[in-house]
Amino acid sequence: MPRLPLSTPLTTSNGDSTTKSTNSLTKYNDDNENAKKFDAFIVKQITDNIFCIEENSSNFEAKSLIYLIIGEEKACLIDTGFGSGDLNEYIQSLKIVKDKMKIIVINTHNHCEEVSFFIFVN
């Protein structure tokens, strides 16, 4: 996978509230009939194997930043967000985690934007 600069989002807006894919990771949200199911999430690629998932919540003014680190045999999810969507299903839809790969969850601290979706079945 090509490396993107830290600030490069994988989605771009053309000014009229529609989102266009700039990477195959967001193709699922652009083309899938379940796109509204995942509209709370935006994924950004930091390195080849590190991703930042930004979650917006309609109930809070803050944003939640969730990090996903992909290893050879396991993945690590740092924080689990507000719970405004099914995070596990969203991650699986991106097709960046190998099928049946275990995801280890680490919650950094007990704030609602970090742990509200703590029930993460994988």
N, C-alpha and C. Protein backbone atom coordinates (compact mmCIF):
# COMPACT_ATOMS: atom_id res chain seq x y z
N MET A 1 0.83 -1.16 0.00
CA MET A 1 0.00 0.00 0.00
C MET A 1 0.89 1.24 0.00
N PRO A 2 0.60 2.25 -0.82
CA PRO A 2 1.42 3.45 -0.81
C PRO A 2 1.23 4.21 0.50
N ARG A 3 2.28 4.86 0.91
CA ARG A 3 2.24 5.62 2.15
C ARG A 3 1.66 7.00 1.90
N LEU A 4 0.80 7.45 2.79
CA LEU A 4 0.19 8.76 2.68
C LEU A 4 0.75 9.67 3.76
N PRO A 5 0.87 10.98 3.49
CA PRO A 5 1.28 11.90 4.55
C PRO A 5 0.30 11.83 5.71
N LEU A 6 0.79 12.16 6.91
CA LEU A 6 -0.01 12.06 8.12
C LEU A 6 -1.33 12.79 8.01
N SER A 7 -1.36 13.92 7.36
CA SER A 7 -2.58 14.72 7.32
C SER A 7 -3.49 14.40 6.13
N THR A 8 -3.14 13.44 5.31
CA THR A 8 -3.93 13.14 4.12
C THR A 8 -5.12 12.25 4.46
N PRO A 9 -6.35 12.77 4.36
CA PRO A 9 -7.50 11.91 4.61
C PRO A 9 -7.73 10.99 3.41
N LEU A 10 -8.37 9.88 3.67
CA LEU A 10 -8.67 8.96 2.59
C LEU A 10 -9.99 9.30 1.92
N THR A 11 -10.63 10.35 2.37
CA THR A 11 -11.83 10.84 1.71
C THR A 11 -11.68 12.33 1.49
N THR A 12 -12.29 12.82 0.44
CA THR A 12 -12.26 14.25 0.18
C THR A 12 -13.67 14.72 -0.13
N SER A 13 -13.93 15.96 0.17
CA SER A 13 -15.23 16.54 -0.11
C SER A 13 -15.10 17.46 -1.30
N ASN A 14 -16.10 17.47 -2.16
CA ASN A 14 -16.05 18.36 -3.31
C ASN A 14 -16.86 19.63 -3.06
N GLY A 15 -17.19 19.90 -1.79
CA GLY A 15 -17.87 21.14 -1.45
C GLY A 15 -19.37 21.04 -1.36
N ASP A 16 -19.98 19.99 -1.88
CA ASP A 16 -21.44 19.89 -1.82
C ASP A 16 -21.88 18.73 -0.94
N SER A 17 -21.10 18.45 0.07
CA SER A 17 -21.37 17.43 1.10
C SER A 17 -21.31 16.00 0.58
N THR A 18 -20.85 15.79 -0.64
CA THR A 18 -20.64 14.42 -1.09
C THR A 18 -19.18 14.07 -0.90
N THR A 19 -18.90 12.82 -0.69
CA THR A 19 -17.54 12.39 -0.43
C THR A 19 -17.08 11.50 -1.57
N LYS A 20 -15.87 11.74 -2.04
CA LYS A 20 -15.30 10.92 -3.10
C LYS A 20 -14.12 10.15 -2.55
N SER A 21 -13.95 8.96 -3.03
CA SER A 21 -12.87 8.10 -2.56
C SER A 21 -11.55 8.52 -3.19
N THR A 22 -10.51 8.61 -2.35
CA THR A 22 -9.17 8.84 -2.88
C THR A 22 -8.30 7.61 -2.64
N ASN A 23 -8.88 6.56 -2.10
CA ASN A 23 -8.16 5.33 -1.81
C ASN A 23 -9.17 4.21 -1.74
N SER A 24 -8.74 3.00 -2.05
CA SER A 24 -9.68 1.88 -2.06
C SER A 24 -10.26 1.59 -0.68
N LEU A 25 -9.65 2.08 0.40
CA LEU A 25 -10.19 1.83 1.73
C LEU A 25 -11.55 2.45 1.92
N THR A 26 -11.82 3.56 1.29
CA THR A 26 -13.12 4.21 1.46
C THR A 26 -14.11 3.83 0.38
N LYS A 27 -13.70 3.01 -0.56
CA LYS A 27 -14.60 2.58 -1.63
C LYS A 27 -15.84 1.93 -1.06
N TYR A 28 -15.69 1.18 0.02
CA TYR A 28 -16.84 0.53 0.65
C TYR A 28 -17.90 1.57 1.02
N ASN A 29 -17.49 2.64 1.67
CA ASN A 29 -18.46 3.66 2.08
C ASN A 29 -19.04 4.41 0.90
N ASP A 30 -18.27 4.59 -0.16
CA ASP A 30 -18.76 5.32 -1.31
C ASP A 30 -19.76 4.52 -2.14
N ASP A 31 -19.53 3.22 -2.28
CA ASP A 31 -20.30 2.43 -3.22
C ASP A 31 -21.29 1.46 -2.60
N ASN A 32 -21.23 1.23 -1.31
CA ASN A 32 -22.04 0.22 -0.67
C ASN A 32 -23.40 0.76 -0.26
N GLU A 33 -24.42 -0.08 -0.38
CA GLU A 33 -25.77 0.34 0.01
C GLU A 33 -25.88 0.60 1.51
N ASN A 34 -24.92 0.13 2.30
CA ASN A 34 -24.92 0.36 3.74
C ASN A 34 -24.06 1.56 4.14
N ALA A 35 -23.79 2.46 3.21
CA ALA A 35 -22.89 3.58 3.49
C ALA A 35 -23.34 4.40 4.70
N LYS A 36 -24.64 4.59 4.88
CA LYS A 36 -25.12 5.37 6.02
C LYS A 36 -24.82 4.69 7.34
N LYS A 37 -24.69 3.38 7.31
CA LYS A 37 -24.38 2.62 8.51
C LYS A 37 -23.04 3.06 9.10
N PHE A 38 -22.11 3.45 8.23
CA PHE A 38 -20.76 3.80 8.66
C PHE A 38 -20.43 5.28 8.50
N ASP A 39 -21.44 6.14 8.38
CA ASP A 39 -21.14 7.54 8.13
C ASP A 39 -20.50 8.26 9.31
N ALA A 40 -20.42 7.64 10.48
CA ALA A 40 -19.76 8.25 11.63
C ALA A 40 -18.24 8.11 11.55
N PHE A 41 -17.73 7.27 10.64
CA PHE A 41 -16.30 6.97 10.60
C PHE A 41 -15.62 7.51 9.35
N ILE A 42 -14.39 7.98 9.54
CA ILE A 42 -13.50 8.34 8.44
C ILE A 42 -12.16 7.71 8.78
N VAL A 43 -11.55 7.01 7.85
CA VAL A 43 -10.26 6.37 8.10
C VAL A 43 -9.15 7.13 7.39
N LYS A 44 -8.01 7.27 8.07
CA LYS A 44 -6.83 7.89 7.49
C LYS A 44 -5.67 6.92 7.66
N GLN A 45 -4.87 6.79 6.63
CA GLN A 45 -3.71 5.91 6.69
C GLN A 45 -2.50 6.73 7.13
N ILE A 46 -1.83 6.27 8.20
CA ILE A 46 -0.66 6.98 8.71
C ILE A 46 0.61 6.37 8.14
N THR A 47 0.73 5.05 8.19
CA THR A 47 1.83 4.33 7.57
C THR A 47 1.23 3.11 6.87
N ASP A 48 2.08 2.23 6.37
CA ASP A 48 1.59 1.04 5.68
C ASP A 48 0.67 0.20 6.55
N ASN A 49 0.92 0.18 7.86
CA ASN A 49 0.14 -0.70 8.73
C ASN A 49 -0.52 0.02 9.91
N ILE A 50 -0.52 1.34 9.92
CA ILE A 50 -1.17 2.10 11.00
C ILE A 50 -2.24 3.00 10.40
N PHE A 51 -3.44 2.91 10.98
CA PHE A 51 -4.59 3.67 10.50
C PHE A 51 -5.22 4.42 11.66
N CYS A 52 -5.74 5.60 11.37
CA CYS A 52 -6.48 6.38 12.35
C CYS A 52 -7.93 6.43 11.88
N ILE A 53 -8.83 6.00 12.75
CA ILE A 53 -10.26 6.05 12.45
C ILE A 53 -10.85 7.18 13.28
N GLU A 54 -11.38 8.18 12.61
CA GLU A 54 -12.01 9.31 13.29
C GLU A 54 -13.50 9.03 13.37
N GLU A 55 -14.03 9.13 14.57
CA GLU A 55 -15.46 8.90 14.76
C GLU A 55 -16.12 10.19 15.21
N ASN A 56 -17.13 10.59 14.50
CA ASN A 56 -17.94 11.74 14.89
C ASN A 56 -19.21 11.24 15.53
N SER A 57 -19.63 11.91 16.58
CA SER A 57 -20.85 11.51 17.27
C SER A 57 -21.84 12.65 17.23
N SER A 58 -23.09 12.34 16.98
CA SER A 58 -24.12 13.37 17.00
C SER A 58 -24.47 13.78 18.43
N ASN A 59 -24.04 12.99 19.41
CA ASN A 59 -24.35 13.28 20.81
C ASN A 59 -23.28 14.10 21.52
N PHE A 60 -22.10 14.23 20.93
CA PHE A 60 -21.00 14.93 21.57
C PHE A 60 -20.36 15.88 20.58
N GLU A 61 -19.77 16.97 21.09
CA GLU A 61 -19.06 17.90 20.22
C GLU A 61 -17.66 17.39 19.87
N ALA A 62 -17.12 16.55 20.71
CA ALA A 62 -15.76 16.03 20.50
C ALA A 62 -15.74 14.95 19.43
N LYS A 63 -14.56 14.71 18.90
CA LYS A 63 -14.35 13.60 17.98
C LYS A 63 -13.53 12.55 18.72
N SER A 64 -13.71 11.33 18.33
CA SER A 64 -12.93 10.24 18.90
C SER A 64 -11.92 9.77 17.87
N LEU A 65 -10.67 9.62 18.29
CA LEU A 65 -9.64 9.09 17.41
C LEU A 65 -9.30 7.68 17.88
N ILE A 66 -9.43 6.75 16.98
CA ILE A 66 -9.22 5.33 17.24
C ILE A 66 -8.07 4.90 16.33
N TYR A 67 -7.11 4.18 16.87
CA TYR A 67 -5.97 3.76 16.06
C TYR A 67 -5.99 2.25 15.87
N LEU A 68 -5.66 1.83 14.67
CA LEU A 68 -5.60 0.42 14.32
C LEU A 68 -4.21 0.13 13.76
N ILE A 69 -3.51 -0.80 14.42
CA ILE A 69 -2.17 -1.20 14.00
C ILE A 69 -2.26 -2.64 13.53
N ILE A 70 -1.86 -2.88 12.29
CA ILE A 70 -1.96 -4.21 11.69
C ILE A 70 -0.60 -4.89 11.75
N GLY A 71 -0.53 -6.04 12.42
CA GLY A 71 0.69 -6.84 12.47
C GLY A 71 0.59 -8.01 11.51
N GLU A 72 1.58 -8.87 11.55
CA GLU A 72 1.58 -10.05 10.69
C GLU A 72 0.51 -11.06 11.10
N GLU A 73 0.35 -11.27 12.42
CA GLU A 73 -0.58 -12.28 12.91
C GLU A 73 -1.77 -11.70 13.68
N LYS A 74 -1.60 -10.51 14.25
CA LYS A 74 -2.66 -9.88 15.04
C LYS A 74 -2.72 -8.40 14.71
N ALA A 75 -3.83 -7.80 15.10
CA ALA A 75 -3.98 -6.36 14.97
C ALA A 75 -4.23 -5.79 16.37
N CYS A 76 -3.96 -4.51 16.53
CA CYS A 76 -4.19 -3.85 17.81
C CYS A 76 -5.08 -2.63 17.57
N LEU A 77 -6.15 -2.55 18.32
CA LEU A 77 -7.08 -1.42 18.24
C LEU A 77 -6.90 -0.60 19.51
N ILE A 78 -6.52 0.66 19.35
CA ILE A 78 -6.30 1.53 20.50
C ILE A 78 -7.50 2.46 20.63
N ASP A 79 -8.28 2.24 21.67
CA ASP A 79 -9.53 2.91 21.99
C ASP A 79 -10.66 2.41 21.09
N THR A 80 -11.88 2.55 21.57
CA THR A 80 -13.02 1.97 20.87
C THR A 80 -14.12 2.97 20.53
N GLY A 81 -13.91 4.24 20.83
CA GLY A 81 -14.82 5.28 20.36
C GLY A 81 -16.10 5.44 21.13
N PHE A 82 -16.98 6.28 20.57
CA PHE A 82 -18.27 6.63 21.17
C PHE A 82 -19.29 5.51 21.12
N GLY A 83 -19.19 4.68 20.11
CA GLY A 83 -20.21 3.65 19.91
C GLY A 83 -21.33 4.10 19.00
N SER A 84 -21.05 5.09 18.13
CA SER A 84 -22.10 5.58 17.24
C SER A 84 -22.30 4.71 16.02
N GLY A 85 -21.50 3.69 15.86
CA GLY A 85 -21.64 2.72 14.78
C GLY A 85 -20.94 1.45 15.19
N ASP A 86 -21.10 0.40 14.40
CA ASP A 86 -20.46 -0.87 14.71
C ASP A 86 -19.01 -0.82 14.21
N LEU A 87 -18.11 -0.53 15.13
CA LEU A 87 -16.70 -0.35 14.79
C LEU A 87 -16.08 -1.62 14.22
N ASN A 88 -16.36 -2.75 14.81
CA ASN A 88 -15.81 -4.01 14.31
C ASN A 88 -16.27 -4.27 12.88
N GLU A 89 -17.54 -4.09 12.63
CA GLU A 89 -18.07 -4.31 11.27
C GLU A 89 -17.44 -3.33 10.29
N TYR A 90 -17.26 -2.08 10.72
CA TYR A 90 -16.62 -1.08 9.86
C TYR A 90 -15.19 -1.49 9.52
N ILE A 91 -14.43 -1.90 10.53
CA ILE A 91 -13.05 -2.32 10.29
C ILE A 91 -13.01 -3.50 9.33
N GLN A 92 -13.88 -4.47 9.52
CA GLN A 92 -13.92 -5.63 8.61
C GLN A 92 -14.28 -5.20 7.19
N SER A 93 -15.14 -4.19 7.05
CA SER A 93 -15.56 -3.74 5.73
C SER A 93 -14.43 -3.08 4.95
N LEU A 94 -13.42 -2.56 5.66
CA LEU A 94 -12.30 -1.90 5.00
C LEU A 94 -11.38 -2.88 4.29
N LYS A 95 -11.44 -4.15 4.69
CA LYS A 95 -10.62 -5.21 4.08
C LYS A 95 -9.12 -4.97 4.29
N ILE A 96 -8.75 -4.35 5.42
CA ILE A 96 -7.34 -4.14 5.73
C ILE A 96 -6.85 -5.12 6.79
N VAL A 97 -7.78 -5.79 7.46
CA VAL A 97 -7.45 -6.80 8.45
C VAL A 97 -7.70 -8.16 7.81
N LYS A 98 -6.73 -9.06 7.93
CA LYS A 98 -6.89 -10.40 7.35
C LYS A 98 -8.10 -11.09 7.96
N ASP A 99 -8.76 -11.91 7.17
CA ASP A 99 -9.92 -12.66 7.63
C ASP A 99 -9.56 -13.50 8.86
N LYS A 100 -10.38 -13.43 9.89
CA LYS A 100 -10.21 -14.19 11.14
C LYS A 100 -9.01 -13.72 11.97
N MET A 101 -8.39 -12.59 11.63
CA MET A 101 -7.27 -12.08 12.41
C MET A 101 -7.77 -11.58 13.76
N LYS A 102 -7.08 -11.94 14.82
CA LYS A 102 -7.44 -11.47 16.15
C LYS A 102 -7.09 -9.99 16.27
N ILE A 103 -7.99 -9.24 16.92
CA ILE A 103 -7.75 -7.83 17.18
C ILE A 103 -7.68 -7.65 18.70
N ILE A 104 -6.53 -7.20 19.17
CA ILE A 104 -6.35 -6.92 20.60
C ILE A 104 -6.81 -5.48 20.84
N VAL A 105 -7.66 -5.28 21.85
CA VAL A 105 -8.21 -3.96 22.14
C VAL A 105 -7.52 -3.38 23.37
N ILE A 106 -7.05 -2.14 23.24
CA ILE A 106 -6.46 -1.41 24.36
C ILE A 106 -7.23 -0.11 24.51
N ASN A 107 -7.83 0.10 25.67
CA ASN A 107 -8.48 1.38 25.96
C ASN A 107 -7.53 2.19 26.84
N THR A 108 -7.18 3.39 26.38
CA THR A 108 -6.16 4.18 27.06
C THR A 108 -6.64 4.78 28.37
N HIS A 109 -7.89 5.17 28.44
CA HIS A 109 -8.45 5.73 29.67
C HIS A 109 -9.97 5.73 29.59
N ASN A 110 -10.61 5.99 30.70
CA ASN A 110 -12.05 5.81 30.82
C ASN A 110 -12.83 7.11 30.55
N HIS A 111 -12.77 7.59 29.31
CA HIS A 111 -13.61 8.70 28.87
C HIS A 111 -14.57 8.16 27.82
N CYS A 112 -15.73 8.78 27.71
CA CYS A 112 -16.76 8.26 26.80
C CYS A 112 -16.29 8.16 25.36
N GLU A 113 -15.42 9.06 24.90
CA GLU A 113 -14.97 9.01 23.51
C GLU A 113 -13.92 7.93 23.27
N GLU A 114 -13.45 7.29 24.33
CA GLU A 114 -12.47 6.22 24.20
C GLU A 114 -13.06 4.83 24.41
N VAL A 115 -14.06 4.70 25.28
CA VAL A 115 -14.48 3.36 25.71
C VAL A 115 -15.96 3.05 25.56
N SER A 116 -16.73 3.89 24.94
CA SER A 116 -18.18 3.64 24.87
C SER A 116 -18.52 2.40 24.05
N PHE A 117 -17.67 2.02 23.12
CA PHE A 117 -17.92 0.81 22.34
C PHE A 117 -16.97 -0.29 22.80
N PHE A 118 -16.80 -0.41 24.12
CA PHE A 118 -15.84 -1.37 24.66
C PHE A 118 -16.21 -2.81 24.33
N ILE A 119 -17.48 -3.11 24.15
CA ILE A 119 -17.88 -4.47 23.79
C ILE A 119 -17.52 -4.65 22.32
N PHE A 120 -16.36 -5.22 22.09
CA PHE A 120 -15.81 -5.38 20.74
C PHE A 120 -15.56 -6.86 20.54
N VAL A 121 -16.45 -7.52 19.86
CA VAL A 121 -16.36 -8.96 19.68
C VAL A 121 -15.54 -9.26 18.43
N ASN A 122 -14.50 -10.04 18.60
CA ASN A 122 -13.68 -10.45 17.47
C ASN A 122 -13.05 -11.78 17.78
